[in-house]
Amino acid sequence: MRKLPRVLVVEDESSIAELIAVNLRHNGFAPTVVFDGAAARREVEAVLPDLILLDWMLPGESGTALARQWRQQARTKSIPIIMITARSEEGDKVQGLDAGADDYITKPFSTQEMLARIRAVLRRRAPEVMGDSVQVGELALDASTYRVTFRGRELKAGPTEFKLLHYLMKNAERVHSRAMLLDKIWGDHVFIEERTVDVHIKRLRETLGEAGAMVETVRGAGYRLSSSALQEPRV
């Protein structure tokens, strides 16, 4: 029997949490509902979910604080997180993404939008295994073993950052607009904002450390990966 994707729903309003859980169950997911941060941490410590739907405003501890904690821990760093909140200003969305969320849903939202976002995030949870290797300068990526190394030292990249790096390395020196990266990396990007690309580029640079300078910002155009950028100050 096919294992249903486990979704941890962290939502303090019981009526909303139950509505989400019912719709998830009816669409092929296995939801677990908790109502606060402490219960969410216990649940994640017991069994890693395939995805977390995380309310921003929770009693005691905010969803953004929880997301930051999970992103800092090796065991939970790669769990996809979708933030749910009534906050709709761009600054709030950026704050949620910077905290570690992969996507952001603003209340009120439709069931179809929620399901589409969940499926899109889960599709990129594990990068496509293309069975190839690519090297740009001293940065190397092996898609078949899911490894990234720089000067012989292995780097740990999350699923989205790995897929983004793979694409940039296979198309090194070319400039890619945010819209193009959304299409190539996220696929169904109708619900994803271009600001999401900037957040993941920032995470990718942090993951790469010194090699992060290879990911250049081309003002007014987008991003490119270049080995020569290591010798130049990053914009």
Protein backbone atom coordinates (compact mmCIF):
# COMPACT_ATOMS: atom_id res chain seq x y z
CA MET A 1 0.00 0.00 0.00
CA ARG A 2 1.32 3.45 -0.90
CA LYS A 3 2.34 5.50 2.12
CA LEU A 4 0.27 8.67 2.45
CA PRO A 5 2.27 11.89 2.88
CA ARG A 6 2.24 12.95 6.53
CA VAL A 7 1.22 16.59 7.08
CA LEU A 8 1.59 18.19 10.51
CA VAL A 9 -1.03 20.93 10.92
CA VAL A 10 -0.06 23.48 13.59
CA GLU A 11 -3.12 25.72 14.03
CA ASP A 12 -4.59 27.01 17.29
CA GLU A 13 -8.10 27.64 15.93
CA SER A 14 -9.73 24.22 16.21
CA SER A 15 -12.41 24.85 13.57
CA ILE A 16 -9.81 25.86 10.96
CA ALA A 17 -7.52 23.00 11.95
CA GLU A 18 -10.31 20.44 11.59
CA LEU A 19 -11.40 21.85 8.23
CA ILE A 20 -7.82 21.61 6.95
CA ALA A 21 -7.46 18.06 8.29
CA VAL A 22 -10.73 16.88 6.70
CA ASN A 23 -9.71 18.25 3.30
CA LEU A 24 -6.24 16.73 3.58
CA ARG A 25 -7.67 13.29 4.42
CA HIS A 26 -10.10 13.48 1.49
CA ASN A 27 -7.22 14.27 -0.87
CA GLY A 28 -4.74 11.56 -0.05
CA PHE A 29 -2.80 12.97 2.92
CA ALA A 30 -2.38 11.78 6.50
CA PRO A 31 -2.81 14.88 8.73
CA THR A 32 -1.88 15.24 12.38
CA VAL A 33 -3.27 18.30 14.17
CA VAL A 34 -1.67 20.12 17.10
CA PHE A 35 -2.62 23.47 18.59
CA ASP A 36 0.60 25.00 19.94
CA GLY A 37 4.36 25.09 19.50
CA ALA A 38 5.20 22.72 22.35
CA ALA A 39 2.93 20.01 20.91
CA ALA A 40 4.38 20.64 17.44
CA ARG A 41 7.93 20.14 18.70
CA ARG A 42 6.95 16.89 20.44
CA GLU A 43 5.27 15.61 17.30
CA VAL A 44 8.29 16.42 15.09
CA GLU A 45 10.66 14.82 17.61
CA ALA A 46 8.58 11.62 17.54
CA VAL A 47 8.04 11.29 13.77
CA LEU A 48 9.26 13.56 11.00
CA PRO A 49 6.35 14.75 8.84
CA ASP A 50 6.60 15.12 5.08
CA LEU A 51 5.36 18.71 5.36
CA ILE A 52 4.32 21.20 8.04
CA LEU A 53 1.39 23.62 7.71
CA LEU A 54 2.35 26.21 10.31
CA ASP A 55 0.15 29.02 11.64
CA TRP A 56 2.04 32.25 12.28
CA MET A 57 0.14 33.29 15.44
CA LEU A 58 0.28 30.55 18.05
CA PRO A 59 -0.13 30.69 21.84
CA GLY A 60 3.21 31.11 23.58
CA GLU A 61 5.55 30.75 20.60
CA SER A 62 5.12 32.12 17.10
CA GLY A 63 5.22 30.02 13.97
CA THR A 64 8.18 32.01 12.68
CA ALA A 65 10.17 31.16 15.82
CA LEU A 66 9.37 27.47 15.35
CA ALA A 67 10.36 27.60 11.68
CA ARG A 68 13.72 29.17 12.56
CA GLN A 69 14.40 26.47 15.17
CA TRP A 70 13.61 23.65 12.74
CA ARG A 71 15.76 25.21 10.00
CA GLN A 72 18.74 25.34 12.37
CA GLN A 73 18.59 21.65 13.27
CA ALA A 74 20.14 19.08 10.92
CA ARG A 75 17.33 16.56 11.47
CA THR A 76 14.55 18.99 10.56
CA LYS A 77 16.34 21.41 8.23
CA SER A 78 14.83 19.97 5.04
CA ILE A 79 11.19 19.54 6.16
CA PRO A 80 8.99 21.65 3.85
CA ILE A 81 7.11 24.35 5.76
CA ILE A 82 4.11 26.32 4.51
CA MET A 83 3.23 29.30 6.70
CA ILE A 84 -0.47 30.05 7.25
CA THR A 85 -1.39 33.54 8.41
CA ALA A 86 -3.85 36.38 8.20
CA ARG A 87 -0.93 38.78 7.61
CA SER A 88 -0.94 39.81 3.97
CA GLU A 89 1.58 42.66 3.71
CA GLU A 90 4.68 42.02 1.60
CA GLY A 91 6.91 42.64 4.61
CA ASP A 92 5.11 39.91 6.55
CA LYS A 93 5.49 37.46 3.68
CA VAL A 94 9.20 38.21 3.42
CA GLN A 95 9.57 37.74 7.18
CA GLY A 96 7.86 34.35 6.97
CA LEU A 97 10.05 33.23 4.08
CA ASP A 98 13.19 34.51 5.80
CA ALA A 99 12.24 32.51 8.90
CA GLY A 100 12.48 29.36 6.80
CA ALA A 101 9.07 28.83 5.23
CA ASP A 102 9.03 27.39 1.71
CA ASP A 103 5.71 29.02 0.90
CA TYR A 104 3.07 31.27 2.41
CA ILE A 105 -0.75 31.06 2.43
CA THR A 106 -2.83 34.07 3.46
CA LYS A 107 -6.14 33.55 5.26
CA PRO A 108 -8.80 33.16 4.06
CA PHE A 109 -7.71 30.62 1.44
CA SER A 110 -9.49 28.05 -0.67
CA THR A 111 -9.02 24.31 -0.33
CA GLN A 112 -7.80 24.10 -3.91
CA GLU A 113 -5.14 26.76 -3.32
CA MET A 114 -3.93 24.97 -0.18
CA LEU A 115 -3.74 21.60 -1.95
CA ALA A 116 -1.96 23.10 -4.96
CA ARG A 117 0.66 24.72 -2.75
CA ILE A 118 1.19 21.51 -0.77
CA ARG A 119 1.63 19.44 -3.92
CA ALA A 120 4.00 21.99 -5.43
CA VAL A 121 6.18 22.05 -2.31
CA LEU A 122 6.21 18.25 -2.00
CA ARG A 123 7.20 17.87 -5.67
CA ARG A 124 10.37 19.79 -5.00
CA ARG A 125 11.06 18.16 -1.60
CA ALA A 126 13.34 15.68 -3.31
CA PRO A 127 15.24 16.93 -6.35
CA GLU A 128 14.83 15.05 -9.59
CA VAL A 129 17.47 12.37 -9.80
CA MET A 130 19.05 12.91 -13.18
CA GLY A 131 22.01 10.65 -12.61
CA ASP A 132 24.53 13.20 -13.79
CA SER A 133 27.40 15.19 -12.35
CA VAL A 134 28.32 18.78 -13.06
CA GLN A 135 31.30 20.87 -12.04
CA VAL A 136 31.90 24.61 -12.24
CA GLY A 137 35.34 25.62 -11.06
CA GLU A 138 35.93 23.92 -7.71
CA LEU A 139 32.21 23.48 -7.05
CA ALA A 140 30.89 20.00 -7.88
CA LEU A 141 27.41 18.47 -7.74
CA ASP A 142 26.46 14.81 -8.14
CA ALA A 143 22.72 14.42 -8.68
CA SER A 144 22.74 10.63 -8.33
CA THR A 145 24.21 10.74 -4.81
CA TYR A 146 22.70 14.11 -3.84
CA ARG A 147 26.10 15.57 -2.92
CA VAL A 148 27.58 19.02 -3.29
CA THR A 149 31.27 19.64 -2.65
CA PHE A 150 33.49 22.71 -2.80
CA ARG A 151 37.27 22.20 -2.80
CA GLY A 152 36.65 18.65 -1.67
CA ARG A 153 34.50 19.60 1.32
CA GLU A 154 30.89 18.38 1.34
CA LEU A 155 28.14 20.98 1.72
CA LYS A 156 24.63 20.27 3.00
CA ALA A 157 21.90 21.75 0.79
CA GLY A 158 18.15 21.58 1.31
CA PRO A 159 15.95 20.12 -1.46
CA THR A 160 15.00 23.41 -3.11
CA GLU A 161 18.51 24.84 -2.83
CA PHE A 162 19.95 21.63 -4.33
CA LYS A 163 17.61 21.77 -7.30
CA LEU A 164 18.26 25.49 -7.77
CA LEU A 165 22.03 24.96 -7.65
CA HIS A 166 21.80 22.02 -10.06
CA TYR A 167 19.98 24.14 -12.60
CA LEU A 168 22.32 27.12 -12.23
CA MET A 169 25.40 24.90 -12.56
CA LYS A 170 24.08 23.14 -15.66
CA ASN A 171 23.45 26.57 -17.16
CA ALA A 172 26.51 28.38 -15.78
CA GLU A 173 27.35 31.89 -17.02
CA ARG A 174 23.79 32.41 -18.30
CA VAL A 175 21.56 35.02 -16.67
CA HIS A 176 18.24 33.67 -15.38
CA SER A 177 15.33 35.92 -14.50
CA ARG A 178 13.27 35.25 -11.38
CA ALA A 179 10.31 34.26 -13.55
CA MET A 180 12.48 31.76 -15.43
CA LEU A 181 13.77 30.22 -12.20
CA LEU A 182 10.23 29.95 -10.84
CA ASP A 183 9.21 28.09 -13.98
CA LYS A 184 12.24 25.75 -14.01
CA ILE A 185 12.56 25.05 -10.27
CA TRP A 186 9.07 25.49 -8.86
CA GLY A 187 7.08 24.49 -11.95
CA ASP A 188 3.50 25.34 -10.95
CA HIS A 189 4.39 28.87 -9.91
CA VAL A 190 1.00 30.46 -10.26
CA PHE A 191 0.84 30.79 -6.45
CA ILE A 192 4.52 31.56 -5.88
CA GLU A 193 5.84 35.10 -5.76
CA GLU A 194 9.13 36.16 -7.34
CA ARG A 195 10.39 37.28 -3.91
CA THR A 196 10.54 33.58 -3.04
CA VAL A 197 13.44 33.20 -5.50
CA ASP A 198 15.44 35.90 -3.69
CA VAL A 199 14.95 34.14 -0.35
CA HIS A 200 16.16 30.79 -1.72
CA ILE A 201 19.12 32.43 -3.47
CA LYS A 202 20.05 33.90 -0.09
CA ARG A 203 19.79 30.45 1.52
CA LEU A 204 21.82 28.91 -1.30
CA ARG A 205 24.62 31.44 -0.83
CA GLU A 206 24.64 30.72 2.91
CA THR A 207 24.81 26.98 2.21
CA LEU A 208 27.70 27.42 -0.21
CA GLY A 209 29.73 29.54 2.18
CA GLU A 210 32.79 30.88 0.36
CA ALA A 211 31.45 29.47 -2.91
CA GLY A 212 28.30 31.57 -2.45
CA ALA A 213 30.10 34.37 -4.25
CA MET A 214 29.69 32.31 -7.43
CA VAL A 215 25.95 33.08 -7.39
CA GLU A 216 25.85 36.58 -8.82
CA THR A 217 23.03 39.11 -8.84
CA VAL A 218 22.68 40.76 -12.23
CA ARG A 219 20.86 43.98 -11.52
CA GLY A 220 17.55 44.31 -13.33
CA ALA A 221 17.94 40.88 -14.92
CA GLY A 222 18.22 38.06 -12.36
CA TYR A 223 20.94 35.65 -11.28
CA ARG A 224 23.79 33.65 -12.77
CA LEU A 225 26.41 31.24 -11.53
CA SER A 226 29.98 31.98 -12.51
CA SER A 227 33.30 30.52 -11.34
CA SER A 228 35.07 33.80 -12.12
CA ALA A 229 32.88 35.58 -9.54
CA LEU A 230 34.96 34.05 -6.73
CA GLN A 231 37.65 36.58 -7.51
CA GLU A 232 35.24 39.49 -7.55
CA PRO A 233 33.18 41.19 -4.82
CA ARG A 234 29.61 39.89 -4.74
CA VAL A 235 26.79 42.35 -5.47
